[in-house]
Protein backbone atom coordinates (compact mmCIF):
# COMPACT_ATOMS: atom_id res chain seq x y z
CA MET A 1 28.03 -55.49 -27.99
CA LYS A 2 29.81 -52.67 -26.17
CA ASP A 3 32.51 -53.69 -23.69
CA SER A 4 31.01 -53.37 -20.20
CA SER A 5 34.25 -51.76 -18.96
CA VAL A 6 33.87 -48.84 -21.39
CA GLU A 7 32.00 -45.76 -20.17
CA LEU A 8 29.18 -44.58 -22.41
CA ASP A 9 30.68 -41.12 -22.91
CA TRP A 10 34.21 -42.31 -23.75
CA THR A 11 35.40 -41.79 -27.29
CA PRO A 12 37.07 -44.81 -28.95
CA PHE A 13 40.46 -43.16 -28.39
CA ARG A 14 39.74 -42.54 -24.72
CA ALA A 15 38.58 -46.15 -24.29
CA ALA A 16 41.86 -47.39 -25.80
CA GLU A 17 43.86 -45.12 -23.50
CA LYS A 18 42.03 -46.50 -20.46
CA ARG A 19 42.59 -50.07 -21.60
CA PHE A 20 46.37 -49.72 -21.90
CA LYS A 21 46.72 -47.68 -18.72
CA ALA A 22 45.16 -50.47 -16.65
CA ARG A 23 47.46 -52.04 -14.05
CA PHE A 24 45.18 -54.69 -12.57
CA PRO A 25 44.81 -56.71 -14.66
CA PRO A 26 47.44 -55.51 -17.14
CA PRO A 27 46.43 -55.29 -20.80
CA ASP A 28 46.94 -58.26 -23.12
CA LEU A 29 49.09 -56.83 -25.93
CA SER A 30 49.02 -60.09 -27.89
CA GLN A 31 45.45 -59.42 -29.02
CA ASP A 32 45.98 -56.53 -31.39
CA VAL A 33 49.13 -54.47 -30.65
CA LEU A 34 51.40 -54.47 -33.69
CA ASP A 35 54.89 -55.58 -32.62
CA LEU A 36 57.16 -55.57 -35.68
CA ALA A 37 60.19 -56.58 -33.62
CA LEU A 38 58.73 -60.10 -33.63
CA LEU A 39 59.69 -60.31 -37.31
CA ASN A 40 63.37 -59.85 -36.50
CA ALA A 41 65.10 -62.93 -35.07
CA THR A 42 68.03 -60.85 -33.79
CA ARG A 43 65.68 -59.13 -31.31
CA ALA A 44 64.31 -62.34 -29.80
CA SER A 45 66.33 -62.12 -26.58
CA GLU A 46 65.29 -58.48 -26.09
CA ILE A 47 61.63 -59.43 -26.47
CA GLU A 48 61.86 -62.45 -24.15
CA ALA A 49 63.67 -60.48 -21.44
CA GLY A 50 61.04 -57.75 -21.48
CA ILE A 51 58.07 -60.16 -21.19
CA TRP A 52 55.65 -57.80 -23.01
CA LYS A 53 54.76 -59.05 -26.50
CA GLY A 54 52.41 -57.83 -29.18
CA THR A 55 51.43 -59.55 -32.40
CA THR A 56 52.15 -59.35 -36.12
CA SER A 57 48.61 -60.30 -37.11
CA GLY A 58 46.49 -57.61 -35.47
CA LEU A 59 46.84 -55.02 -38.22
CA GLU A 60 47.24 -55.04 -41.99
CA TYR A 61 50.68 -53.75 -43.00
CA ARG A 62 53.02 -53.81 -45.97
CA LYS A 63 56.80 -54.02 -46.07
CA LEU A 64 58.55 -51.59 -48.40
CA THR A 65 61.42 -52.72 -50.57
CA GLY A 66 64.76 -51.07 -49.84
CA ASP A 67 67.92 -51.22 -47.77
CA VAL A 68 66.20 -50.84 -44.39
CA GLU A 69 63.17 -52.45 -42.75
CA ALA A 70 60.23 -50.11 -43.38
CA TYR A 71 56.50 -50.78 -43.05
CA VAL A 72 53.28 -48.90 -43.81
CA THR A 73 49.65 -49.60 -42.97
CA PRO A 74 46.63 -48.62 -45.09
CA ARG A 75 44.80 -47.66 -41.89
CA ILE A 76 47.05 -44.60 -41.44
CA PRO A 77 48.28 -43.22 -44.81
CA GLY A 78 51.68 -41.56 -44.40
CA LEU A 79 52.71 -43.47 -41.27
CA VAL A 80 56.04 -45.24 -41.77
CA LEU A 81 57.51 -47.62 -39.18
CA LEU A 82 61.26 -48.31 -39.09
CA PRO A 83 61.73 -51.02 -36.43
CA GLY A 84 65.28 -51.30 -35.10
CA PHE A 85 66.45 -48.45 -37.32
CA LEU A 86 69.03 -47.19 -34.81
CA ASP A 87 72.01 -49.40 -34.02
CA HIS A 88 73.08 -49.91 -30.41
CA ALA A 89 75.92 -47.38 -30.55
CA THR A 90 73.63 -44.65 -31.90
CA GLN A 91 71.08 -45.34 -29.17
CA ARG A 92 73.75 -44.97 -26.50
CA ALA A 93 75.05 -41.78 -28.08
CA LEU A 94 71.55 -40.26 -28.15
CA VAL A 95 70.99 -41.17 -24.48
CA GLN A 96 74.16 -39.31 -23.53
CA TRP A 97 73.29 -36.38 -25.79
CA SER A 98 69.75 -36.11 -24.38
CA LEU A 99 70.80 -36.10 -20.72
CA ALA A 100 74.29 -34.62 -20.58
CA ASP A 101 74.45 -32.30 -23.58
CA HIS A 102 70.93 -31.21 -24.46
CA ALA A 103 68.86 -30.90 -21.25
CA ARG A 104 70.53 -27.61 -20.28
CA GLN A 105 70.62 -23.99 -21.37
CA PRO A 106 69.94 -22.59 -23.92
CA ASN A 107 67.38 -25.40 -24.36
CA GLU A 108 64.31 -24.90 -22.19
CA THR A 109 63.04 -27.71 -19.96
CA ASN A 110 59.93 -28.25 -17.86
CA LEU A 111 62.00 -27.51 -14.72
CA ASP A 112 63.23 -24.04 -15.69
CA ILE A 113 60.07 -22.28 -14.54
CA HIS A 114 60.32 -23.77 -11.04
CA TYR A 115 64.05 -24.00 -10.32
CA VAL A 116 67.30 -22.19 -10.97
CA LEU A 117 69.18 -25.00 -12.65
CA PRO A 118 72.96 -25.39 -12.96
CA GLU A 119 74.38 -23.86 -16.14
CA ASP A 120 75.85 -27.22 -17.12
CA GLY A 121 72.52 -29.01 -16.65
CA LEU A 122 71.24 -31.63 -14.21
CA TRP A 123 73.13 -34.66 -15.39
CA ASN A 124 75.99 -35.55 -13.13
CA PRO A 125 77.23 -39.16 -13.22
CA SER A 126 78.35 -38.96 -9.75
CA GLY A 127 43.48 -33.31 -12.33
CA PRO A 128 41.69 -31.87 -15.03
CA ARG A 129 43.22 -29.28 -17.31
CA LYS A 130 42.01 -26.88 -19.94
CA LEU A 131 42.89 -27.92 -23.48
CA ILE A 132 44.10 -25.19 -25.84
CA ASN A 133 42.56 -25.45 -29.31
CA ASN A 134 45.36 -23.78 -31.28
CA THR A 135 45.11 -22.41 -34.81
CA PRO A 136 47.02 -24.40 -37.47
CA ALA A 137 50.07 -22.44 -38.64
CA THR A 138 50.45 -21.30 -42.27
CA LEU A 139 52.69 -18.83 -44.06
CA GLU A 140 49.66 -16.51 -44.35
CA ASN A 141 48.84 -16.34 -40.63
CA PHE A 142 52.43 -16.57 -39.36
CA SER A 143 52.62 -12.84 -38.51
CA GLU A 144 49.36 -12.96 -36.56
CA LEU A 145 50.41 -16.04 -34.58
CA SER A 146 53.80 -14.52 -33.84
CA ALA A 147 52.11 -11.46 -32.32
CA THR A 148 50.00 -13.54 -29.91
CA PRO A 149 51.22 -12.86 -26.33
CA LYS A 150 53.02 -15.87 -24.88
CA LEU A 151 53.19 -15.27 -21.16
CA PRO A 152 55.42 -17.51 -19.04
CA SER A 153 53.74 -20.14 -16.90
CA ALA A 154 53.43 -19.40 -13.20
CA PRO A 155 56.02 -21.19 -11.04
CA SER A 156 54.86 -23.80 -8.59
CA GLY A 157 53.91 -22.38 -5.21
CA THR A 158 54.96 -25.57 -3.47
CA ALA A 159 58.40 -26.26 -5.05
CA GLN A 160 61.12 -26.50 -2.40
CA PRO A 161 64.90 -26.06 -2.76
CA THR A 162 66.19 -29.36 -4.11
CA LEU A 163 69.51 -30.91 -5.02
CA ALA A 164 70.08 -30.98 -8.77
CA SER A 165 70.73 -34.73 -8.61
CA ALA A 166 67.25 -35.25 -7.14
CA LEU A 167 65.56 -33.38 -9.99
CA ILE A 168 66.73 -35.60 -12.83
CA ARG A 169 63.73 -37.93 -12.53
CA LYS A 170 61.42 -34.90 -12.57
CA LEU A 171 62.79 -33.91 -15.96
CA ARG A 172 59.97 -34.41 -18.49
CA TRP A 173 60.98 -32.49 -21.59
CA ALA A 174 63.70 -30.40 -23.20
CA ASN A 175 63.04 -28.17 -26.18
CA ILE A 176 64.80 -28.57 -29.55
CA GLY A 177 65.27 -25.68 -32.00
CA TRP A 178 62.42 -23.17 -32.15
CA SER A 179 60.94 -22.55 -28.69
CA TYR A 180 57.49 -24.06 -28.16
CA HIS A 181 55.02 -22.21 -25.91
CA TRP A 182 52.85 -24.75 -24.12
CA GLY A 183 50.25 -22.24 -22.96
CA THR A 184 49.17 -21.30 -26.47
CA LYS A 185 50.46 -24.41 -28.29
CA GLN A 186 52.35 -22.14 -30.67
CA TYR A 187 56.01 -21.49 -31.29
CA ASP A 188 57.45 -18.40 -29.63
CA PHE A 189 59.52 -17.07 -32.53
CA ALA A 190 60.44 -13.96 -30.54
CA LYS A 191 62.91 -16.11 -28.58
CA GLY A 192 64.80 -16.97 -31.72
CA LYS A 193 65.98 -20.39 -32.80
CA VAL A 194 68.51 -22.60 -31.06
CA LYS A 195 70.51 -24.58 -33.60
CA VAL A 196 69.43 -28.21 -33.87
CA ASP A 197 72.31 -30.53 -33.02
CA GLU A 198 73.81 -31.65 -36.32
CA SER A 199 74.22 -35.29 -35.26
CA LEU A 200 70.51 -35.46 -34.39
CA ALA A 201 69.51 -33.68 -37.61
CA GLU A 202 71.58 -36.18 -39.58
CA VAL A 203 69.84 -39.14 -37.91
CA CYS A 204 66.49 -37.63 -38.93
CA ARG A 205 67.61 -36.96 -42.51
CA LYS A 206 68.93 -40.50 -42.73
CA ALA A 207 65.57 -41.89 -41.61
CA VAL A 208 63.59 -39.76 -44.07
CA ASN A 209 65.94 -40.53 -46.96
CA ALA A 210 65.88 -44.26 -46.17
CA VAL A 211 62.22 -44.39 -47.22
CA ASP A 212 61.21 -44.75 -50.87
CA TRP A 213 58.31 -42.32 -50.70
CA LYS A 214 56.97 -43.43 -54.09
CA GLN A 215 56.05 -46.69 -52.37
CA VAL A 216 54.28 -44.80 -49.57
CA TYR A 217 52.25 -42.44 -51.76
CA GLY A 218 52.80 -42.97 -55.48
CA PRO A 219 50.52 -42.04 -58.41
CA THR A 220 47.30 -43.25 -56.76
CA ASP A 221 47.67 -40.97 -53.71
CA ALA A 222 44.48 -38.97 -53.18
CA SER A 223 45.65 -36.93 -50.18
CA ASP A 224 44.87 -33.21 -50.05
CA TRP A 225 48.34 -31.66 -50.09
CA GLY A 226 47.08 -28.12 -50.68
CA GLU A 227 48.28 -25.60 -53.23
CA SER A 228 51.94 -26.60 -52.97
CA GLY A 229 51.20 -30.13 -54.18
CA PRO A 230 52.66 -33.47 -52.99
CA GLY A 231 55.56 -32.47 -50.75
CA TRP A 232 56.99 -36.00 -50.60
CA GLN A 233 58.41 -35.62 -54.10
CA THR A 234 61.11 -33.22 -52.86
CA TRP A 235 61.75 -34.33 -49.27
CA ASP A 236 65.13 -35.69 -50.32
CA GLN A 237 66.10 -32.07 -51.07
CA ASP A 238 64.10 -29.78 -48.79
CA TYR A 239 63.49 -31.73 -45.58
CA GLU A 240 65.32 -29.83 -42.82
CA PRO A 241 64.43 -30.41 -39.13
CA ASP A 242 64.37 -27.18 -37.13
CA ALA A 243 62.33 -27.90 -33.98
CA GLY A 244 61.21 -30.63 -31.64
CA ILE A 245 61.30 -31.96 -28.12
CA VAL A 246 63.01 -34.62 -26.06
CA ASN A 247 60.42 -36.34 -23.87
CA PHE A 248 61.63 -38.10 -20.72
CA TYR A 249 58.93 -40.56 -19.65
CA GLN A 250 58.99 -42.40 -16.34
CA THR A 251 57.16 -45.71 -16.29
CA LYS A 252 53.91 -44.28 -14.90
CA ASP A 253 53.82 -41.32 -17.30
CA THR A 254 51.44 -41.03 -20.25
CA LEU A 255 50.85 -38.69 -23.19
CA MET A 256 47.18 -38.09 -23.93
CA ALA A 257 45.71 -37.91 -27.42
CA HIS A 258 46.73 -34.76 -29.27
CA VAL A 259 47.51 -33.34 -32.71
CA ASP A 260 50.72 -31.54 -33.73
CA ARG A 261 49.61 -28.65 -35.92
CA SER A 262 51.75 -25.67 -35.01
CA GLU A 263 54.19 -26.11 -37.90
CA VAL A 264 53.89 -24.15 -41.13
CA CYS A 265 55.27 -27.26 -42.89
CA ALA A 266 52.15 -29.13 -41.87
CA THR A 267 52.81 -32.21 -44.01
CA SER A 268 56.59 -32.59 -43.67
CA PRO A 269 57.93 -35.69 -41.89
CA LEU A 270 57.77 -35.75 -38.11
CA VAL A 271 60.51 -38.13 -36.95
CA SER A 272 59.97 -39.86 -33.60
CA ILE A 273 62.81 -41.86 -32.01
CA SER A 274 62.30 -44.36 -29.17
CA ILE A 275 65.09 -45.20 -26.71
CA GLY A 276 64.97 -47.10 -23.42
CA ASN A 277 61.86 -48.86 -22.16
CA ALA A 278 59.21 -49.84 -24.71
CA ALA A 279 55.82 -48.15 -25.02
CA VAL A 280 52.37 -48.53 -26.54
CA PHE A 281 51.77 -45.87 -29.20
CA LEU A 282 48.22 -45.06 -30.33
CA ILE A 283 47.39 -43.28 -33.59
CA GLY A 284 43.91 -42.73 -34.97
CA GLY A 285 42.11 -40.29 -37.22
CA LEU A 286 41.17 -36.63 -37.45
CA THR A 287 39.02 -36.86 -34.30
CA ARG A 288 39.07 -38.91 -31.11
CA ASP A 289 36.01 -40.74 -32.44
CA SER A 290 38.17 -42.94 -34.68
CA ASP A 291 39.43 -46.25 -33.33
CA PRO A 292 43.20 -45.86 -32.86
CA VAL A 293 45.82 -48.33 -34.05
CA PRO A 294 48.01 -49.67 -31.18
CA ILE A 295 51.72 -50.16 -31.95
CA LEU A 296 54.46 -51.43 -29.63
CA LEU A 297 57.58 -49.28 -29.97
CA ARG A 298 60.89 -50.61 -28.69
CA SER A 299 64.30 -49.03 -28.18
CA GLY A 300 65.84 -48.13 -31.52
CA ASP A 301 62.53 -47.95 -33.39
CA VAL A 302 61.76 -44.86 -35.47
CA VAL A 303 58.30 -43.67 -36.51
CA ILE A 304 57.75 -41.14 -39.30
CA MET A 305 54.43 -39.30 -39.42
CA SER A 306 54.04 -37.63 -42.81
CA GLY A 307 51.51 -36.15 -45.17
CA PRO A 308 48.18 -34.36 -44.63
CA THR A 309 46.33 -37.34 -43.16
CA CYS A 310 48.90 -38.72 -40.74
CA ARG A 311 50.18 -35.35 -39.53
CA ARG A 312 46.62 -34.39 -38.52
CA ALA A 313 45.90 -37.69 -36.81
CA TYR A 314 45.33 -37.87 -33.06
CA HIS A 315 48.07 -39.84 -31.34
CA GLY A 316 49.37 -40.52 -27.86
CA VAL A 317 51.31 -42.82 -25.53
CA PRO A 318 49.05 -44.40 -22.88
CA ARG A 319 51.58 -46.83 -21.46
CA ILE A 320 55.30 -47.13 -20.83
CA LEU A 321 56.06 -50.85 -20.52
CA GLU A 322 58.07 -51.42 -17.36
CA ASN A 323 61.08 -53.75 -17.23
CA THR A 324 61.71 -53.61 -20.99
CA LEU A 325 65.14 -51.93 -21.00
CA PRO A 326 67.25 -53.91 -23.51
CA ASP A 327 70.63 -55.35 -22.53
CA HIS A 328 72.54 -53.06 -24.88
CA LEU A 329 71.54 -50.10 -22.70
CA THR A 330 72.89 -51.67 -19.53
CA GLY A 331 76.50 -51.67 -18.40
CA GLN A 332 79.05 -50.99 -15.69
CA GLY A 333 81.66 -48.28 -15.16
CA PRO A 334 80.90 -44.89 -16.74
CA TRP A 335 77.64 -46.25 -18.18
CA ALA A 336 76.26 -47.41 -14.81
CA PRO A 337 74.52 -44.07 -13.98
CA TYR A 338 72.82 -44.13 -17.38
CA GLU A 339 71.57 -47.68 -16.80
CA ASP A 340 70.25 -46.68 -13.39
CA TYR A 341 68.30 -43.81 -14.91
CA LEU A 342 67.05 -45.75 -17.94
CA THR A 343 65.72 -48.61 -15.82
CA THR A 344 62.53 -46.62 -15.28
CA THR A 345 62.68 -44.34 -18.32
CA ARG A 346 61.72 -44.05 -21.97
CA ILE A 347 63.35 -41.27 -23.98
CA ASN A 348 61.45 -40.08 -27.03
CA ILE A 349 63.15 -37.62 -29.38
CA ASN A 350 60.49 -35.99 -31.52
CA VAL A 351 61.71 -33.77 -34.36
CA ARG A 352 59.72 -31.59 -36.78
CA GLN A 353 60.14 -29.04 -39.56
CA VAL A 354 58.42 -25.73 -38.82
CA PHE A 355 59.43 -23.67 -41.88
CA PRO A 356 60.33 -24.48 -45.48
CA LYS A 357 64.06 -24.91 -45.94
CA GLY A 358 65.69 -21.50 -46.40
CA PHE A 359 62.66 -19.53 -45.14
CA ASP A 360 63.60 -16.54 -42.98
CA PRO A 361 60.81 -15.76 -40.46
CA SER A 362 62.30 -12.33 -39.72
């Protein structure tokens, strides 16, 4: 029998989004939200302090053998979960990098179109919309996509002069590497590429290389990899992140269901890093008509979306879980401004590979 709270015209993905967005009453995550942190006794205090808890029995999953904790689920082939992959020091370093070093020129942010921002960035310790159905990128249509006009968005007509310090909580994203054009949902290669920070690239390589991909795919894999064949066999040699985005979520922000399909390397690993407050992550199938899998992502968790099935799956973030900032991201002295900001924030660093390693788009 259909849930009476679900509208008749809602897709299964939309119904799940509505469920987790609800504030009164709040959603019960213990029913079916996979929370792999519950398997790690060292994270018990973090879980108890944050109140929100999922379950380890709501979804079939399998632990991979290896040096790091890694899990896969048959529901989403190519999805790899690395709970607690980042140590506390790395999480702190990425917070500082995201806010103080990266969210500034030459990296574009959501605020650039509306404000003239300080050259050294903002960080100072003292209704309905039309969806763009973009064409998947390939080496064959790269020239055509590059020629598509990518006009700048119109600035807000209501934005008022504002102190830089007051804008920091309005920061929503900062571009990484190749410039992404939100209007067309394509990369604007005419702007050239900003070098991806090497420390971030190394974190992503480390995550990809920590996975034994033979255990994820192996000889029985029936995925359609295209003419180039199973890419996973050479990711240890040719995976090279060259684009991405840092998302700065406040606790009432959401990310609706979408598909990332602007990269020529359409099956290469997409590495997603969670820092700060926890969140509910939904991932489903090739359309919004598939029931999505709900996963609770905590600070330090890494998700890898890989392969032709997972990289084309609809996914989104319907809920940031308030009051879940772990103790290792709190502190006094120089760290106090970061704690103050993170109290209501989740930082998600999402990194992709647009072109094959060594490919020159010029």
